[in-house]
Amino acid sequence: MTGSDNIKQNISITESSSNFDNLEKMSVNELLSNINQEDSKVHLAVREAIPQIDQLITRIVKRMQKGGRIFYLGAGTSGRLGVLDASEVPPTFGVPDSLVIGLIAGGEVALRKAVESAEDDPNKAWKELEIFNINTKDTVIGIAASGTTQYVIGGIIKARESGILTGCITCNPDSKIVEVTEFPIVVVVGPEFVTGSTRLKAGTAQKMVLNMITTTVMIKLGRVKGNKMVNMQLTNKKLIERGTRMIVDELNIQREAARILLMKYGSVKKALEFYKENYQ
């Protein structure tokens, strides 16, 4: 039976048999080419989900303009991707690390190694969310490729019962998480190259959607000017140099003057605001 036949019978897509067999007999080049062939399907599947992503982001922005936050819930690869996305928002957009928060079943240790049965407790996520005094300005997004992770589903159910906006990112359209989530995002990438290994296409799709969510939200919150990260944190020489170039390009001043402005005011945005208020 092929992966396509499995899908028709409503077997979980993420558990469906790979479209390829006898992987161990393939050459390195064949493996790479076939993995790449499967990966090429991901962006097309994400494109199909754009209307769903749009609906969720539009509602998130309104809440965050009033002081709301985003919480990600996930286990395993999905949880790690949520934590990764949350951790990259502050340095990229210059916002507090309390604005986007990633929670993973099993806690920080689960970022590096599997934690037995951590994802099977449906009550754990809500208890963790309560620590942050979660409220109706916030948004909870469950990340679960299979759509069956109890840690995530339990958290989504409690959040929705409490009047909190809920979304999810999954790759199974008929899964439980789609049923319980207000604004589900379903990216149907098909069977994995290695059957059931959702760190592959499903993980790539989740990462792409997470990028879209936080990048779009931050742009709509005014954290980008033109196409520049004018609020980025100046945490290393590369970013200081990038910020200096932004100021030079914007103000047409000498590089050293731009660097002095940047270091004095701490961000491209603040440096530009000072200069334009006082010298233009």
C-alpha atoms as a PDB file:
ATOM      1  CA  MET A   1       0.000   0.000   0.000  1.00  0.00           C
ATOM      2  CA  THR A   2       1.366   3.419  -0.906  1.00  0.00           C
ATOM      3  CA  GLY A   3       1.404   6.571   1.234  1.00  0.00           C
ATOM      4  CA  SER A   4      -1.346   8.006  -0.998  1.00  0.00           C
ATOM      5  CA  ASP A   5      -3.609   5.014  -0.338  1.00  0.00           C
ATOM      6  CA  ASN A   6      -3.088   5.441   3.399  1.00  0.00           C
ATOM      7  CA  ILE A   7      -4.145   9.096   3.244  1.00  0.00           C
ATOM      8  CA  LYS A   8      -7.345   8.168   1.429  1.00  0.00           C
ATOM      9  CA  GLN A   9      -8.197   5.796   4.262  1.00  0.00           C
ATOM     10  CA  ASN A  10      -7.783   8.644   6.797  1.00  0.00           C
ATOM     11  CA  ILE A  11      -4.791   7.044   8.457  1.00  0.00           C
ATOM     12  CA  SER A  12      -2.749   9.709  10.235  1.00  0.00           C
ATOM     13  CA  ILE A  13      -0.780  11.416   7.483  1.00  0.00           C
ATOM     14  CA  THR A  14       2.315  11.882   9.624  1.00  0.00           C
ATOM     15  CA  GLU A  15       2.354   8.131  10.293  1.00  0.00           C
ATOM     16  CA  SER A  16       1.668   7.092   6.703  1.00  0.00           C
ATOM     17  CA  SER A  17       4.207   4.932   4.924  1.00  0.00           C
ATOM     18  CA  SER A  18       6.948   6.762   3.044  1.00  0.00           C
ATOM     19  CA  ASN A  19       6.666   7.138  -0.707  1.00  0.00           C
ATOM     20  CA  PHE A  20      10.123   5.512  -0.844  1.00  0.00           C
ATOM     21  CA  ASP A  21      11.310   2.080   0.289  1.00  0.00           C
ATOM     22  CA  ASN A  22      14.591   0.217   0.691  1.00  0.00           C
ATOM     23  CA  LEU A  23      16.291   3.413   1.826  1.00  0.00           C
ATOM     24  CA  GLU A  24      19.315   1.502   3.054  1.00  0.00           C
ATOM     25  CA  LYS A  25      19.995   0.344  -0.513  1.00  0.00           C
ATOM     26  CA  MET A  26      20.129   3.887  -1.928  1.00  0.00           C
ATOM     27  CA  SER A  27      23.391   5.678  -2.630  1.00  0.00           C
ATOM     28  CA  VAL A  28      24.193   8.880  -0.750  1.00  0.00           C
ATOM     29  CA  ASN A  29      23.286  10.913  -3.821  1.00  0.00           C
ATOM     30  CA  GLU A  30      19.976   9.094  -4.203  1.00  0.00           C
ATOM     31  CA  LEU A  31      19.123   9.685  -0.552  1.00  0.00           C
ATOM     32  CA  LEU A  32      19.939  13.375  -0.814  1.00  0.00           C
ATOM     33  CA  SER A  33      18.040  13.823  -4.065  1.00  0.00           C
ATOM     34  CA  ASN A  34      14.966  12.035  -2.748  1.00  0.00           C
ATOM     35  CA  ILE A  35      14.963  13.961   0.548  1.00  0.00           C
ATOM     36  CA  ASN A  36      15.246  17.175  -1.454  1.00  0.00           C
ATOM     37  CA  GLN A  37      12.391  16.054  -3.684  1.00  0.00           C
ATOM     38  CA  GLU A  38      10.190  15.594  -0.619  1.00  0.00           C
ATOM     39  CA  ASP A  39      11.312  18.892   0.918  1.00  0.00           C
ATOM     40  CA  SER A  40      10.274  20.744  -2.241  1.00  0.00           C
ATOM     41  CA  LYS A  41       6.651  19.972  -1.365  1.00  0.00           C
ATOM     42  CA  VAL A  42       6.778  21.842   1.947  1.00  0.00           C
ATOM     43  CA  HIS A  43       6.570  25.448   0.769  1.00  0.00           C
ATOM     44  CA  LEU A  44       3.635  24.571  -1.474  1.00  0.00           C
ATOM     45  CA  ALA A  45       1.775  23.071   1.483  1.00  0.00           C
ATOM     46  CA  VAL A  46       2.541  26.149   3.588  1.00  0.00           C
ATOM     47  CA  ARG A  47       1.224  28.382   0.801  1.00  0.00           C
ATOM     48  CA  GLU A  48      -2.101  26.541   0.935  1.00  0.00           C
ATOM     49  CA  ALA A  49      -2.336  27.366   4.648  1.00  0.00           C
ATOM     50  CA  ILE A  50      -1.779  31.135   4.266  1.00  0.00           C
ATOM     51  CA  PRO A  51      -5.493  32.014   4.721  1.00  0.00           C
ATOM     52  CA  GLN A  52      -5.465  30.153   8.052  1.00  0.00           C
ATOM     53  CA  ILE A  53      -2.211  31.813   9.120  1.00  0.00           C
ATOM     54  CA  ASP A  54      -3.651  35.210   8.154  1.00  0.00           C
ATOM     55  CA  GLN A  55      -6.730  34.717  10.331  1.00  0.00           C
ATOM     56  CA  LEU A  56      -4.674  33.851  13.387  1.00  0.00           C
ATOM     57  CA  ILE A  57      -2.066  36.593  12.977  1.00  0.00           C
ATOM     58  CA  THR A  58      -4.697  39.294  12.489  1.00  0.00           C
ATOM     59  CA  ARG A  59      -6.175  38.419  15.862  1.00  0.00           C
ATOM     60  CA  ILE A  60      -2.794  38.072  17.569  1.00  0.00           C
ATOM     61  CA  VAL A  61      -1.723  41.576  16.511  1.00  0.00           C
ATOM     62  CA  LYS A  62      -4.841  43.156  18.005  1.00  0.00           C
ATOM     63  CA  ARG A  63      -4.177  41.445  21.330  1.00  0.00           C
ATOM     64  CA  MET A  64      -0.477  42.230  21.414  1.00  0.00           C
ATOM     65  CA  GLN A  65      -1.193  45.897  20.739  1.00  0.00           C
ATOM     66  CA  LYS A  66      -3.023  45.795  24.066  1.00  0.00           C
ATOM     67  CA  GLY A  67      -0.165  44.092  25.904  1.00  0.00           C
ATOM     68  CA  GLY A  68      -0.781  40.464  25.012  1.00  0.00           C
ATOM     69  CA  ARG A  69       1.799  37.709  24.593  1.00  0.00           C
ATOM     70  CA  ILE A  70       2.273  34.558  22.513  1.00  0.00           C
ATOM     71  CA  PHE A  71       2.780  31.205  24.196  1.00  0.00           C
ATOM     72  CA  TYR A  72       3.935  28.149  22.243  1.00  0.00           C
ATOM     73  CA  LEU A  73       3.196  24.646  23.518  1.00  0.00           C
ATOM     74  CA  GLY A  74       4.984  21.618  22.078  1.00  0.00           C
ATOM     75  CA  ALA A  75       6.777  18.355  22.726  1.00  0.00           C
ATOM     76  CA  GLY A  76       9.865  16.876  21.095  1.00  0.00           C
ATOM     77  CA  THR A  77      10.803  18.489  17.780  1.00  0.00           C
ATOM     78  CA  SER A  78       7.675  20.662  17.839  1.00  0.00           C
ATOM     79  CA  GLY A  79       8.477  21.957  21.304  1.00  0.00           C
ATOM     80  CA  ARG A  80      12.088  22.677  20.387  1.00  0.00           C
ATOM     81  CA  LEU A  81      11.000  24.649  17.333  1.00  0.00           C
ATOM     82  CA  GLY A  82       8.670  26.755  19.464  1.00  0.00           C
ATOM     83  CA  VAL A  83      11.400  27.510  21.997  1.00  0.00           C
ATOM     84  CA  LEU A  84      13.796  28.321  19.149  1.00  0.00           C
ATOM     85  CA  ASP A  85      11.402  30.784  17.554  1.00  0.00           C
ATOM     86  CA  ALA A  86      10.640  32.445  20.890  1.00  0.00           C
ATOM     87  CA  SER A  87      14.344  32.780  21.707  1.00  0.00           C
ATOM     88  CA  GLU A  88      15.117  34.485  18.393  1.00  0.00           C
ATOM     89  CA  VAL A  89      12.467  37.198  18.665  1.00  0.00           C
ATOM     90  CA  PRO A  90      14.177  39.411  21.311  1.00  0.00           C
ATOM     91  CA  PRO A  91      17.564  39.784  19.561  1.00  0.00           C
ATOM     92  CA  THR A  92      15.976  40.222  16.135  1.00  0.00           C
ATOM     93  CA  PHE A  93      13.300  42.734  17.064  1.00  0.00           C
ATOM     94  CA  GLY A  94      14.533  44.212  20.343  1.00  0.00           C
ATOM     95  CA  VAL A  95      11.577  43.138  22.458  1.00  0.00           C
ATOM     96  CA  PRO A  96      11.553  41.600  25.964  1.00  0.00           C
ATOM     97  CA  ASP A  97      11.874  37.822  26.216  1.00  0.00           C
ATOM     98  CA  SER A  98       8.515  37.837  27.994  1.00  0.00           C
ATOM     99  CA  LEU A  99       6.634  38.705  24.793  1.00  0.00           C
ATOM    100  CA  VAL A 100       6.922  35.318  23.043  1.00  0.00           C
ATOM    101  CA  ILE A 101       7.384  32.329  25.324  1.00  0.00           C
ATOM    102  CA  GLY A 102       8.042  28.732  24.305  1.00  0.00           C
ATOM    103  CA  LEU A 103       7.063  25.891  26.628  1.00  0.00           C
ATOM    104  CA  ILE A 104       8.202  22.330  25.952  1.00  0.00           C
ATOM    105  CA  ALA A 105       6.942  19.154  27.581  1.00  0.00           C
ATOM    106  CA  GLY A 106       9.600  17.990  30.023  1.00  0.00           C
ATOM    107  CA  GLY A 107      11.112  21.430  30.550  1.00  0.00           C
ATOM    108  CA  GLU A 108      14.568  22.663  29.545  1.00  0.00           C
ATOM    109  CA  VAL A 109      16.165  19.229  29.735  1.00  0.00           C
ATOM    110  CA  ALA A 110      13.861  18.166  26.877  1.00  0.00           C
ATOM    111  CA  LEU A 111      15.605  20.645  24.585  1.00  0.00           C
ATOM    112  CA  ARG A 112      18.609  18.321  24.439  1.00  0.00           C
ATOM    113  CA  LYS A 113      17.253  14.848  25.156  1.00  0.00           C
ATOM    114  CA  ALA A 114      13.969  12.998  25.104  1.00  0.00           C
ATOM    115  CA  VAL A 115      12.009  13.015  28.373  1.00  0.00           C
ATOM    116  CA  GLU A 116       9.984   9.839  28.869  1.00  0.00           C
ATOM    117  CA  SER A 117       6.185  10.326  28.824  1.00  0.00           C
ATOM    118  CA  ALA A 118       6.457  14.117  29.278  1.00  0.00           C
ATOM    119  CA  GLU A 119       4.040  14.735  26.425  1.00  0.00           C
ATOM    120  CA  ASP A 120       1.348  12.402  27.789  1.00  0.00           C
ATOM    121  CA  ASP A 121       0.134  14.629  30.674  1.00  0.00           C
ATOM    122  CA  PRO A 122      -2.866  16.712  29.509  1.00  0.00           C
ATOM    123  CA  ASN A 123      -2.825  18.898  32.639  1.00  0.00           C
ATOM    124  CA  LYS A 124       0.833  19.932  32.744  1.00  0.00           C
ATOM    125  CA  ALA A 125       0.807  22.672  30.094  1.00  0.00           C
ATOM    126  CA  TRP A 126      -2.008  24.643  31.718  1.00  0.00           C
ATOM    127  CA  LYS A 127      -0.270  24.515  35.092  1.00  0.00           C
ATOM    128  CA  GLU A 128       2.840  25.939  33.426  1.00  0.00           C
ATOM    129  CA  LEU A 129       0.831  28.637  31.669  1.00  0.00           C
ATOM    130  CA  GLU A 130      -0.754  29.700  34.955  1.00  0.00           C
ATOM    131  CA  ILE A 131       2.717  30.488  36.319  1.00  0.00           C
ATOM    132  CA  PHE A 132       2.851  33.315  33.761  1.00  0.00           C
ATOM    133  CA  ASN A 133      -0.550  34.698  34.838  1.00  0.00           C
ATOM    134  CA  ILE A 134      -1.924  34.028  31.384  1.00  0.00           C
ATOM    135  CA  ASN A 135      -4.969  36.134  30.463  1.00  0.00           C
ATOM    136  CA  THR A 136      -7.385  36.936  27.654  1.00  0.00           C
ATOM    137  CA  LYS A 137      -4.960  39.339  25.954  1.00  0.00           C
ATOM    138  CA  ASP A 138      -2.636  36.397  25.301  1.00  0.00           C
ATOM    139  CA  THR A 139      -2.535  33.745  22.591  1.00  0.00           C
ATOM    140  CA  VAL A 140      -1.686  30.054  22.974  1.00  0.00           C
ATOM    141  CA  ILE A 141      -0.385  28.225  19.906  1.00  0.00           C
ATOM    142  CA  GLY A 142      -0.037  24.463  20.080  1.00  0.00           C
ATOM    143  CA  ILE A 143       2.616  22.902  17.867  1.00  0.00           C
ATOM    144  CA  ALA A 144       2.005  19.217  17.183  1.00  0.00           C
ATOM    145  CA  ALA A 145       2.804  17.567  13.862  1.00  0.00           C
ATOM    146  CA  SER A 146       0.616  14.564  14.638  1.00  0.00           C
ATOM    147  CA  GLY A 147      -2.069  16.646  16.318  1.00  0.00           C
ATOM    148  CA  THR A 148      -2.408  14.081  19.097  1.00  0.00           C
ATOM    149  CA  THR A 149       0.055  15.309  21.749  1.00  0.00           C
ATOM    150  CA  GLN A 150      -1.817  15.326  25.075  1.00  0.00           C
ATOM    151  CA  TYR A 151       0.414  17.979  26.674  1.00  0.00           C
ATOM    152  CA  VAL A 152      -0.486  20.373  23.866  1.00  0.00           C
ATOM    153  CA  ILE A 153      -4.150  19.416  23.489  1.00  0.00           C
ATOM    154  CA  GLY A 154      -4.788  19.732  27.221  1.00  0.00           C
ATOM    155  CA  GLY A 155      -3.236  23.189  27.296  1.00  0.00           C
ATOM    156  CA  ILE A 156      -5.251  24.335  24.270  1.00  0.00           C
ATOM    157  CA  ILE A 157      -8.531  23.086  25.746  1.00  0.00           C
ATOM    158  CA  LYS A 158      -7.984  24.885  29.078  1.00  0.00           C
ATOM    159  CA  ALA A 159      -6.836  28.073  27.349  1.00  0.00           C
ATOM    160  CA  ARG A 160      -9.890  28.156  25.111  1.00  0.00           C
ATOM    161  CA  GLU A 161     -12.201  27.459  28.065  1.00  0.00           C
ATOM    162  CA  SER A 162     -10.609  30.484  29.744  1.00  0.00           C
ATOM    163  CA  GLY A 163     -11.408  32.787  26.832  1.00  0.00           C
ATOM    164  CA  ILE A 164      -7.859  32.875  25.451  1.00  0.00           C
ATOM    165  CA  LEU A 165      -7.196  32.955  21.703  1.00  0.00           C
ATOM    166  CA  THR A 166      -5.916  29.559  20.539  1.00  0.00           C
ATOM    167  CA  GLY A 167      -4.137  28.453  17.400  1.00  0.00           C
ATOM    168  CA  CYS A 168      -2.176  25.388  16.375  1.00  0.00           C
ATOM    169  CA  ILE A 169       0.281  24.189  13.758  1.00  0.00           C
ATOM    170  CA  THR A 170      -0.243  20.605  12.686  1.00  0.00           C
ATOM    171  CA  CYS A 171       0.135  18.371   9.642  1.00  0.00           C
ATOM    172  CA  ASN A 172      -2.920  16.147  10.181  1.00  0.00           C
ATOM    173  CA  PRO A 173      -6.247  17.727   9.137  1.00  0.00           C
ATOM    174  CA  ASP A 174      -8.451  15.260  11.014  1.00  0.00           C
ATOM    175  CA  SER A 175      -6.534  15.319  14.290  1.00  0.00           C
ATOM    176  CA  LYS A 176      -7.808  16.099  17.768  1.00  0.00           C
ATOM    177  CA  ILE A 177      -5.904  19.376  18.017  1.00  0.00           C
ATOM    178  CA  VAL A 178      -7.736  20.749  14.961  1.00  0.00           C
ATOM    179  CA  GLU A 179     -11.015  19.892  16.629  1.00  0.00           C
ATOM    180  CA  VAL A 180     -10.273  21.717  19.886  1.00  0.00           C
ATOM    181  CA  THR A 181      -8.418  24.767  18.496  1.00  0.00           C
ATOM    182  CA  GLU A 182     -10.200  27.977  17.516  1.00  0.00           C
ATOM    183  CA  PHE A 183      -7.851  28.878  14.644  1.00  0.00           C
ATOM    184  CA  PRO A 184      -5.961  25.797  13.453  1.00  0.00           C
ATOM    185  CA  ILE A 185      -3.199  25.974  10.865  1.00  0.00           C
ATOM    186  CA  VAL A 186      -2.980  22.704   8.949  1.00  0.00           C
ATOM    187  CA  VAL A 187      -0.017  22.149   6.638  1.00  0.00           C
ATOM    188  CA  VAL A 188      -0.463  18.852   4.804  1.00  0.00           C
ATOM    189  CA  VAL A 189       3.056  17.876   3.749  1.00  0.00           C
ATOM    190  CA  GLY A 190       2.287  14.184   3.213  1.00  0.00           C
ATOM    191  CA  PRO A 191       4.240  11.127   4.417  1.00  0.00           C
ATOM    192  CA  GLU A 192       7.782  11.586   5.675  1.00  0.00           C
ATOM    193  CA  PHE A 193      10.808  10.262   3.780  1.00  0.00           C
ATOM    194  CA  VAL A 194      11.541   8.064   6.791  1.00  0.00           C
ATOM    195  CA  THR A 195       8.090   6.880   7.856  1.00  0.00           C
ATOM    196  CA  GLY A 196       6.847   8.816  10.885  1.00  0.00           C
ATOM    197  CA  SER A 197       9.974  10.973  11.289  1.00  0.00           C
ATOM    198  CA  THR A 198       8.240  14.328  11.683  1.00  0.00           C
ATOM    199  CA  ARG A 199      11.538  16.126  12.290  1.00  0.00           C
ATOM    200  CA  LEU A 200      11.738  16.147   8.476  1.00  0.00           C
ATOM    201  CA  LYS A 201       8.990  17.739   6.333  1.00  0.00           C
ATOM    202  CA  ALA A 202       6.595  18.401   9.205  1.00  0.00           C
ATOM    203  CA  GLY A 203       9.333  20.075  11.235  1.00  0.00           C
ATOM    204  CA  THR A 204      10.361  22.197   8.262  1.00  0.00           C
ATOM    205  CA  ALA A 205       6.748  23.268   7.718  1.00  0.00           C
ATOM    206  CA  GLN A 206       6.326  24.173  11.376  1.00  0.00           C
ATOM    207  CA  LYS A 207       9.498  26.256  11.324  1.00  0.00           C
ATOM    208  CA  MET A 208       8.317  28.095   8.214  1.00  0.00           C
ATOM    209  CA  VAL A 209       4.940  28.901   9.779  1.00  0.00           C
ATOM    210  CA  LEU A 210       6.551  30.046  13.034  1.00  0.00           C
ATOM    211  CA  ASN A 211       8.827  32.353  11.033  1.00  0.00           C
ATOM    212  CA  MET A 212       5.777  33.779   9.282  1.00  0.00           C
ATOM    213  CA  ILE A 213       3.858  34.331  12.510  1.00  0.00           C
ATOM    214  CA  THR A 214       6.472  36.169  14.548  1.00  0.00           C
ATOM    215  CA  THR A 215       8.006  38.077  11.636  1.00  0.00           C
ATOM    216  CA  THR A 216       4.622  39.366  10.488  1.00  0.00           C
ATOM    217  CA  VAL A 217       3.481  40.178  14.017  1.00  0.00           C
ATOM    218  CA  MET A 218       6.659  42.107  14.783  1.00  0.00           C
ATOM    219  CA  ILE A 219       6.420  44.067  11.532  1.00  0.00           C
ATOM    220  CA  LYS A 220       2.809  45.003  12.319  1.00  0.00           C
ATOM    221  CA  LEU A 221       3.904  46.070  15.810  1.00  0.00           C
ATOM    222  CA  GLY A 222       6.372  48.520  14.275  1.00  0.00           C
ATOM    223  CA  ARG A 223       9.588  46.647  15.028  1.00  0.00           C
ATOM    224  CA  VAL A 224      10.844  46.874  11.404  1.00  0.00           C
ATOM    225  CA  LYS A 225      11.437  50.007   9.287  1.00  0.00           C
ATOM    226  CA  GLY A 226      11.465  49.556   5.532  1.00  0.00           C
ATOM    227  CA  ASN A 227      13.082  46.131   5.422  1.00  0.00           C
ATOM    228  CA  LYS A 228      15.550  46.692   8.276  1.00  0.00           C
ATOM    229  CA  MET A 229      15.770  45.260  11.789  1.00  0.00           C
ATOM    230  CA  VAL A 230      16.086  48.713  13.341  1.00  0.00           C
ATOM    231  CA  ASN A 231      15.343  47.403  16.839  1.00  0.00           C
ATOM    232  CA  MET A 232      17.776  44.466  16.859  1.00  0.00           C
ATOM    233  CA  GLN A 233      19.929  43.952  19.935  1.00  0.00           C
ATOM    234  CA  LEU A 234      23.601  44.865  19.459  1.00  0.00           C
ATOM    235  CA  THR A 235      24.963  41.638  20.883  1.00  0.00           C
ATOM    236  CA  ASN A 236      28.035  41.136  18.678  1.00  0.00           C
ATOM    237  CA  LYS A 237      30.361  42.850  16.208  1.00  0.00           C
ATOM    238  CA  LYS A 238      28.414  41.627  13.172  1.00  0.00           C
ATOM    239  CA  LEU A 239      25.197  43.232  14.417  1.00  0.00           C
ATOM    240  CA  ILE A 240      26.944  46.458  15.388  1.00  0.00           C
ATOM    241  CA  GLU A 241      28.393  46.636  11.878  1.00  0.00           C
ATOM    242  CA  ARG A 242      24.993  45.922  10.348  1.00  0.00           C
ATOM    243  CA  GLY A 243      23.405  48.650  12.467  1.00  0.00           C
ATOM    244  CA  THR A 244      26.124  51.108  11.498  1.00  0.00           C
ATOM    245  CA  ARG A 245      25.489  50.429   7.797  1.00  0.00           C
ATOM    246  CA  MET A 246      21.768  51.008   8.291  1.00  0.00           C
ATOM    247  CA  ILE A 247      22.414  54.437   9.788  1.00  0.00           C
ATOM    248  CA  VAL A 248      24.920  55.354   7.076  1.00  0.00           C
ATOM    249  CA  ASP A 249      22.428  54.345   4.378  1.00  0.00           C
ATOM    250  CA  GLU A 250      19.558  56.208   6.015  1.00  0.00           C
ATOM    251  CA  LEU A 251      21.332  59.436   6.977  1.00  0.00           C
ATOM    252  CA  ASN A 252      24.214  59.556   4.478  1.00  0.00           C
ATOM    253  CA  ILE A 253      26.732  60.375   7.210  1.00  0.00           C
ATOM    254  CA  GLN A 254      30.257  59.105   7.875  1.00  0.00           C
ATOM    255  CA  ARG A 255      30.618  55.559   9.146  1.00  0.00           C
ATOM    256  CA  GLU A 256      32.346  56.546  12.397  1.00  0.00           C
ATOM    257  CA  ALA A 257      29.670  59.121  13.190  1.00  0.00           C
ATOM    258  CA  ALA A 258      27.022  56.479  12.543  1.00  0.00           C
ATOM    259  CA  ARG A 259      28.753  54.005  14.826  1.00  0.00           C
ATOM    260  CA  ILE A 260      29.024  56.581  17.638  1.00  0.00           C
ATOM    261  CA  LEU A 261      25.311  57.358  17.329  1.00  0.00           C
ATOM    262  CA  LEU A 262      24.439  53.666  17.363  1.00  0.00           C
ATOM    263  CA  MET A 263      26.501  52.854  20.443  1.00  0.00           C
ATOM    264  CA  LYS A 264      25.232  55.896  22.319  1.00  0.00           C
ATOM    265  CA  TYR A 265      21.538  55.239  21.746  1.00  0.00           C
ATOM    266  CA  GLY A 266      21.590  51.449  21.686  1.00  0.00           C
ATOM    267  CA  SER A 267      19.521  50.780  18.595  1.00  0.00           C
ATOM    268  CA  VAL A 268      19.237  51.924  15.001  1.00  0.00           C
ATOM    269  CA  LYS A 269      15.730  53.230  15.601  1.00  0.00           C
ATOM    270  CA  LYS A 270      16.671  55.394  18.586  1.00  0.00           C
ATOM    271  CA  ALA A 271      19.796  56.692  16.837  1.00  0.00           C
ATOM    272  CA  LEU A 272      17.772  57.695  13.770  1.00  0.00           C
ATOM    273  CA  GLU A 273      15.098  59.348  15.880  1.00  0.00           C
ATOM    274  CA  PHE A 274      17.676  61.414  17.776  1.00  0.00           C
ATOM    275  CA  TYR A 275      19.474  62.518  14.626  1.00  0.00           C
ATOM    276  CA  LYS A 276      16.314  63.499  12.761  1.00  0.00           C
ATOM    277  CA  GLU A 277      14.924  65.410  15.732  1.00  0.00           C
ATOM    278  CA  ASN A 278      18.115  67.397  16.232  1.00  0.00           C
ATOM    279  CA  TYR A 279      19.847  67.728  12.854  1.00  0.00           C
ATOM    280  CA  GLN A 280      17.172  67.582  10.182  1.00  0.00           C
END
